[in-house]
């Protein structure tokens, strides 16, 4: 059994490039895989390895000045859900392309227990899913507003429109996978006039472990080979539908047509019918990858075999 860890820390790094080089060398020597983004504002990563490797990495990060309080979300996996190790310097460790969004001016943290209690004891609040549309499609909290955006950096534009519909005196609850996107989006909402802004501390993954995912329907999309993980053991039925058959489904694959590569919800039945493609047009393409039913639902790993680094990096930044 392997461990997958998800973490971030907004702690200033004076020399990101040197920090990145040292960090990457340590991880290579340790033998872990995953993705780590480093910038002047801090670090954002997800890694996988044995429990012993993950513990050594945590101790290493905790030993670095400014990162002693880093919190880790931990999950188990039968396999290492990454093809390789990526460690890159980024201008933003989570890209929203808005200046002046310092997380220390963000919303109030709600523990998973406090979040559940709001659902149970209060009525006048609004819940915002601060994730991309393909994430919220397969799982979300009950009654949540699910913005129809494909990238996190589209959220400021969405908020400009939502400003007309969400009263500024309304209690706002927001959540994302591990918490990092809420750190910046909550600041943006406060800058635009909302006062009672609250974010789920630790995100969906922590909530699932501490409160058994109550009030969350479907599964949680993750940016590794697993693609979706369970959150609420009492709500495991798919909330999305296969784009081929129309039947309930919560599995994602990439279209086998390399010119398309669309990430879409597809059941095994639909994948077999269309040989891994999202449309008849793509099925007829000369650029179609060979369809392997046993490997069809591990699309992120395929990217490493068929696309250049610049394309992969753009896609992975969409989280």
Protein backbone atom coordinates (compact mmCIF):
# COMPACT_ATOMS: atom_id res chain seq x y z
CA UNK A 1 0.00 0.00 0.00
CA UNK A 2 1.26 3.47 -0.91
CA UNK A 3 0.50 6.92 0.47
CA UNK A 4 -0.52 9.99 -1.49
CA UNK A 5 0.00 13.36 0.21
CA UNK A 6 -1.47 16.73 -0.76
CA UNK A 7 -0.13 19.93 0.82
CA UNK A 8 0.62 23.62 0.43
CA UNK A 9 2.09 26.41 2.48
CA UNK A 10 2.06 30.13 1.73
CA UNK A 11 5.46 30.92 3.22
CA UNK A 12 7.83 33.34 1.51
CA UNK A 13 10.76 31.82 -0.41
CA UNK A 14 13.61 34.24 -1.15
CA UNK A 15 15.27 32.21 -3.91
CA UNK A 16 12.65 29.90 -5.49
CA UNK A 17 15.01 28.49 -8.13
CA UNK A 18 17.62 27.35 -5.62
CA UNK A 19 14.88 26.11 -3.27
CA UNK A 20 13.40 24.15 -6.19
CA UNK A 21 16.74 22.63 -7.20
CA UNK A 22 17.49 21.50 -3.64
CA UNK A 23 13.95 20.21 -3.18
CA UNK A 24 13.98 18.25 -6.42
CA UNK A 25 17.32 16.65 -5.58
CA UNK A 26 16.02 15.51 -2.21
CA UNK A 27 12.87 14.02 -3.76
CA UNK A 28 14.85 12.27 -6.50
CA UNK A 29 17.17 10.75 -3.91
CA UNK A 30 14.12 9.69 -1.89
CA UNK A 31 12.53 8.07 -4.96
CA UNK A 32 9.05 9.64 -4.80
CA UNK A 33 6.79 10.72 -7.66
CA UNK A 34 4.29 13.53 -8.08
CA UNK A 35 4.12 17.27 -8.77
CA UNK A 36 5.52 20.15 -6.74
CA UNK A 37 5.19 23.83 -7.64
CA UNK A 38 7.41 26.38 -5.91
CA UNK A 39 7.29 30.17 -6.02
CA UNK A 40 8.10 33.25 -4.00
CA UNK A 41 4.76 32.82 -2.22
CA UNK A 42 5.40 29.22 -1.10
CA UNK A 43 4.94 25.59 -2.11
CA UNK A 44 2.08 23.47 -3.47
CA UNK A 45 2.49 19.75 -4.01
CA UNK A 46 1.12 16.25 -4.24
CA UNK A 47 3.43 13.25 -3.93
CA UNK A 48 3.21 9.49 -3.64
CA UNK A 49 5.44 6.75 -2.28
CA UNK A 50 5.70 4.31 0.57
CA UNK A 51 4.59 5.45 4.04
CA UNK A 52 8.27 5.55 5.03
CA UNK A 53 9.15 7.78 2.07
CA UNK A 54 6.24 10.11 2.79
CA UNK A 55 7.25 10.43 6.44
CA UNK A 56 10.83 11.29 5.46
CA UNK A 57 9.55 13.93 3.04
CA UNK A 58 7.28 15.48 5.66
CA UNK A 59 10.14 15.66 8.12
CA UNK A 60 12.33 17.27 5.45
CA UNK A 61 9.78 19.96 4.64
CA UNK A 62 9.05 20.59 8.32
CA UNK A 63 12.79 21.10 8.87
CA UNK A 64 12.92 24.04 6.44
CA UNK A 65 12.52 27.56 7.93
CA UNK A 66 8.98 28.82 7.39
CA UNK A 67 7.50 25.40 6.66
CA UNK A 68 7.41 23.93 10.16
CA UNK A 69 3.61 24.19 10.27
CA UNK A 70 2.86 22.59 6.87
CA UNK A 71 -0.27 20.45 6.99
CA UNK A 72 -0.59 17.28 4.94
CA UNK A 73 -3.68 15.53 3.60
CA UNK A 74 -2.93 11.80 3.35
CA UNK A 75 -4.68 9.07 1.40
CA UNK A 76 -3.92 5.44 0.56
CA UNK A 77 -3.49 3.99 -2.92
CA UNK A 78 -2.81 0.51 -4.28
CA UNK A 79 -0.42 2.00 -6.83
CA UNK A 80 1.70 5.12 -7.18
CA UNK A 81 -0.70 7.31 -9.22
CA UNK A 82 1.99 9.41 -10.93
CA UNK A 83 4.20 8.60 -13.89
CA UNK A 84 7.16 10.66 -12.76
CA UNK A 85 8.38 13.52 -10.57
CA UNK A 86 7.82 17.14 -11.62
CA UNK A 87 9.24 20.01 -9.59
CA UNK A 88 8.83 23.45 -11.16
CA UNK A 89 9.13 27.12 -10.28
CA UNK A 90 5.89 29.06 -10.79
CA UNK A 91 4.98 32.72 -10.45
CA UNK A 92 1.92 31.53 -8.50
CA UNK A 93 1.69 28.16 -6.78
CA UNK A 94 -2.00 28.19 -7.69
CA UNK A 95 -2.74 30.46 -10.64
CA UNK A 96 -5.58 32.99 -10.47
CA UNK A 97 -3.73 35.89 -12.15
CA UNK A 98 -4.98 38.53 -9.71
CA UNK A 99 -2.48 40.70 -7.85
CA UNK A 100 -2.65 41.42 -4.13
CA UNK A 101 -4.44 38.28 -2.95
CA UNK A 102 -2.54 37.58 0.24
CA UNK A 103 -4.02 34.53 1.99
CA UNK A 104 -3.51 36.08 5.42
CA UNK A 105 -6.45 38.37 4.54
CA UNK A 106 -8.66 35.47 3.52
CA UNK A 107 -11.84 34.02 4.92
CA UNK A 108 -12.54 32.43 8.26
CA UNK A 109 -11.50 28.79 8.55
CA UNK A 110 -14.22 26.30 9.38
CA UNK A 111 -13.08 22.95 10.71
CA UNK A 112 -14.82 19.94 9.13
CA UNK A 113 -16.97 19.67 12.27
CA UNK A 114 -17.94 23.36 12.13
CA UNK A 115 -18.71 23.04 8.41
CA UNK A 116 -21.06 20.11 9.05
CA UNK A 117 -22.75 22.01 11.87
CA UNK A 118 -23.52 24.96 9.58
CA UNK A 119 -25.35 22.56 7.26
CA UNK A 120 -27.27 21.12 10.19
CA UNK A 121 -28.05 24.23 12.23
CA UNK A 122 -28.23 27.17 9.82
CA UNK A 123 -30.39 27.98 6.82
CA UNK A 124 -29.33 31.35 5.41
CA UNK A 125 -26.01 30.68 3.68
CA UNK A 126 -24.62 30.01 0.23
CA UNK A 127 -22.05 27.35 -0.70
CA UNK A 128 -19.59 27.86 -3.56
CA UNK A 129 -17.59 25.05 -5.17
CA UNK A 130 -14.21 26.65 -5.95
CA UNK A 131 -13.18 24.02 -8.49
CA UNK A 132 -13.35 23.56 -12.23
CA UNK A 133 -16.58 22.34 -13.83
CA UNK A 134 -15.23 18.87 -14.64
CA UNK A 135 -14.40 18.42 -10.94
CA UNK A 136 -17.74 19.48 -9.50
CA UNK A 137 -19.56 17.43 -12.15
CA UNK A 138 -18.66 14.14 -10.46
CA UNK A 139 -19.11 15.24 -6.86
CA UNK A 140 -20.15 18.24 -4.75
CA UNK A 141 -21.77 19.37 -1.53
CA UNK A 142 -25.53 19.51 -1.42
CA UNK A 143 -26.93 22.80 -2.72
CA UNK A 144 -23.55 24.14 -3.82
CA UNK A 145 -23.18 26.72 -6.59
CA UNK A 146 -20.98 25.03 -9.20
CA UNK A 147 -19.43 27.69 -11.48
CA UNK A 148 -19.24 26.61 -15.11
CA UNK A 149 -15.54 27.43 -15.54
CA UNK A 150 -12.68 25.32 -16.88
CA UNK A 151 -9.79 27.00 -15.04
CA UNK A 152 -9.22 28.52 -11.62
CA UNK A 153 -8.13 31.77 -13.27
CA UNK A 154 -11.65 32.07 -14.74
CA UNK A 155 -13.14 32.55 -11.27
CA UNK A 156 -12.58 36.34 -11.05
CA UNK A 157 -14.68 36.79 -14.20
CA UNK A 158 -17.34 34.45 -12.85
CA UNK A 159 -17.45 36.42 -9.59
CA UNK A 160 -18.06 39.65 -11.48
CA UNK A 161 -21.27 38.09 -12.80
CA UNK A 162 -22.20 36.35 -9.54
CA UNK A 163 -21.95 39.68 -7.73
CA UNK A 164 -25.42 40.46 -9.06
CA UNK A 165 -26.94 37.30 -7.57
CA UNK A 166 -25.14 36.69 -4.26
CA UNK A 167 -26.00 39.40 -1.68
CA UNK A 168 -22.99 40.94 0.03
CA UNK A 169 -24.54 40.32 3.46
CA UNK A 170 -24.99 36.59 2.77
CA UNK A 171 -22.96 34.06 4.76
CA UNK A 172 -20.61 32.44 2.24
CA UNK A 173 -19.12 28.96 2.56
CA UNK A 174 -16.55 27.82 0.01
CA UNK A 175 -14.60 24.63 -0.54
CA UNK A 176 -12.12 22.98 -2.89
CA UNK A 177 -10.13 19.73 -2.96
CA UNK A 178 -7.43 20.51 -0.39
CA UNK A 179 -8.02 24.15 0.50
CA UNK A 180 -5.47 26.09 -1.54
CA UNK A 181 -7.84 27.64 -4.08
CA UNK A 182 -10.08 28.94 -1.30
CA UNK A 183 -7.06 30.69 0.23
CA UNK A 184 -7.00 33.11 -2.70
CA UNK A 185 -10.63 33.15 -3.77
CA UNK A 186 -11.78 34.05 -0.25
CA UNK A 187 -9.47 37.10 -0.34
CA UNK A 188 -10.97 38.13 -3.68
CA UNK A 189 -14.52 37.86 -2.32
CA UNK A 190 -13.65 39.98 0.71
CA UNK A 191 -11.99 42.60 -1.50
CA UNK A 192 -15.20 42.79 -3.50
CA UNK A 193 -17.36 43.42 -0.44
CA UNK A 194 -18.47 40.11 1.06
CA UNK A 195 -17.76 40.09 4.78
CA UNK A 196 -18.91 36.74 6.17
CA UNK A 197 -16.61 34.55 4.05
CA UNK A 198 -15.76 31.06 5.31
CA UNK A 199 -13.59 28.30 3.86
CA UNK A 200 -13.49 24.58 4.62
CA UNK A 201 -10.16 23.99 6.33
CA UNK A 202 -8.35 21.08 4.72
CA UNK A 203 -10.83 20.90 1.86
CA UNK A 204 -12.96 17.97 0.73
CA UNK A 205 -10.27 15.38 1.44
CA UNK A 206 -9.93 16.28 5.12
CA UNK A 207 -13.69 16.62 5.51
CA UNK A 208 -14.19 13.13 4.11
CA UNK A 209 -11.86 11.64 6.69
CA UNK A 210 -13.03 13.62 9.72
CA UNK A 211 -16.78 13.85 9.08
CA UNK A 212 -17.27 10.85 6.77
CA UNK A 213 -18.24 13.17 3.93
CA UNK A 214 -21.74 13.95 5.20
CA UNK A 215 -23.67 16.24 2.78
CA UNK A 216 -21.19 15.50 -0.03
CA UNK A 217 -22.65 13.61 -2.98
CA UNK A 218 -20.60 11.67 -5.53
CA UNK A 219 -16.82 11.45 -5.57
CA UNK A 220 -13.91 13.88 -5.43
CA UNK A 221 -11.84 14.53 -8.56
CA UNK A 222 -8.07 14.38 -7.95
CA UNK A 223 -5.21 15.33 -10.26
CA UNK A 224 -3.46 11.98 -10.47
CA UNK A 225 -4.03 8.60 -12.10
CA UNK A 226 -6.86 7.75 -9.71
CA UNK A 227 -8.93 10.69 -11.05
CA UNK A 228 -11.74 10.19 -8.51
CA UNK A 229 -11.75 9.07 -4.88
CA UNK A 230 -14.68 8.33 -2.53
CA UNK A 231 -15.68 10.90 0.09
CA UNK A 232 -19.02 9.85 1.60
CA UNK A 233 -19.47 6.10 2.06
CA UNK A 234 -23.24 6.64 2.09
CA UNK A 235 -23.24 8.47 -1.25
CA UNK A 236 -21.10 6.49 -3.67
CA UNK A 237 -23.56 6.39 -6.55
CA UNK A 238 -22.49 8.50 -9.57
CA UNK A 239 -24.02 11.98 -9.78
CA UNK A 240 -22.79 12.50 -13.36
CA UNK A 241 -23.71 10.67 -16.55
CA UNK A 242 -21.67 9.00 -19.25
CA UNK A 243 -21.44 11.35 -22.25
CA UNK A 244 -21.77 8.36 -24.59
CA UNK A 245 -24.53 6.21 -23.08
CA UNK A 246 -26.27 8.73 -20.82
CA UNK A 247 -26.11 6.25 -17.94
CA UNK A 248 -24.83 7.18 -14.45
CA UNK A 249 -21.03 7.26 -14.37
CA UNK A 250 -18.19 9.03 -12.58
CA UNK A 251 -15.11 7.81 -14.45
CA UNK A 252 -13.08 10.16 -16.62
CA UNK A 253 -11.03 9.31 -19.69
CA UNK A 254 -9.24 11.36 -22.33
CA UNK A 255 -10.54 11.07 -25.88
CA UNK A 256 -8.33 8.63 -27.81
CA UNK A 257 -8.08 11.13 -30.66
CA UNK A 258 -4.79 12.87 -29.89
CA UNK A 259 -5.94 16.03 -31.68
CA UNK A 260 -8.92 16.22 -29.30
CA UNK A 261 -7.79 14.64 -26.00
CA UNK A 262 -10.99 15.89 -24.34
CA UNK A 263 -11.39 14.80 -20.73
CA UNK A 264 -14.94 13.49 -20.41
CA UNK A 265 -17.15 11.35 -18.19
CA UNK A 266 -17.40 7.89 -19.69
CA UNK A 267 -18.53 4.47 -18.51
CA UNK A 268 -16.71 1.28 -19.47
CA UNK A 269 -19.63 0.47 -21.75
CA UNK A 270 -19.33 3.83 -23.48
CA UNK A 271 -15.55 3.54 -23.78
CA UNK A 272 -15.85 0.16 -25.43
CA UNK A 273 -18.59 1.39 -27.79
CA UNK A 274 -16.54 4.36 -28.98
CA UNK A 275 -13.09 2.77 -28.59
CA UNK A 276 -12.12 5.50 -26.14
CA UNK A 277 -13.34 8.41 -28.27
CA UNK A 278 -15.80 11.17 -27.39
CA UNK A 279 -17.51 11.27 -30.81
CA UNK A 280 -17.86 9.44 -34.09
CA UNK A 281 -15.69 12.10 -35.71
CA UNK A 282 -12.88 11.41 -33.27
CA UNK A 283 -13.36 7.67 -33.67
CA UNK A 284 -12.67 8.07 -37.38
CA UNK A 285 -9.51 10.15 -36.84
CA UNK A 286 -6.18 8.90 -38.16
CA UNK A 287 -4.60 10.31 -34.99
CA UNK A 288 -6.47 7.96 -32.69
CA UNK A 289 -4.49 6.08 -30.06
CA UNK A 290 -4.94 2.30 -29.93
CA UNK A 291 -7.74 1.53 -27.47
CA UNK A 292 -6.82 -0.64 -24.50
CA UNK A 293 -9.88 -1.33 -22.29
CA UNK A 294 -7.62 -2.31 -19.38
CA UNK A 295 -5.80 1.05 -19.42
CA UNK A 296 -8.56 3.37 -20.65
CA UNK A 297 -9.22 4.94 -17.28
CA UNK A 298 -5.67 6.12 -16.60
CA UNK A 299 -5.62 9.12 -18.95
CA UNK A 300 -3.21 11.38 -17.10
CA UNK A 301 -0.45 8.82 -17.52
CA UNK A 302 -1.07 8.71 -21.27
CA UNK A 303 -0.28 12.39 -21.52
CA UNK A 304 3.34 11.69 -20.72
CA UNK A 305 3.60 9.43 -23.73
CA UNK A 306 1.90 11.54 -26.36
CA UNK A 307 2.33 15.23 -25.62
CA UNK A 308 5.17 17.68 -25.12
CA UNK A 309 5.97 19.27 -21.76
CA UNK A 310 4.41 22.64 -22.57
CA UNK A 311 1.03 21.06 -23.33
CA UNK A 312 1.10 18.93 -20.20
CA UNK A 313 2.03 21.83 -17.99
CA UNK A 314 -0.82 23.96 -19.35
CA UNK A 315 -3.32 21.19 -18.71
CA UNK A 316 -2.07 20.40 -15.22
CA UNK A 317 -2.26 24.07 -14.25
CA UNK A 318 -6.03 23.96 -14.78
CA UNK A 319 -6.43 22.59 -11.25
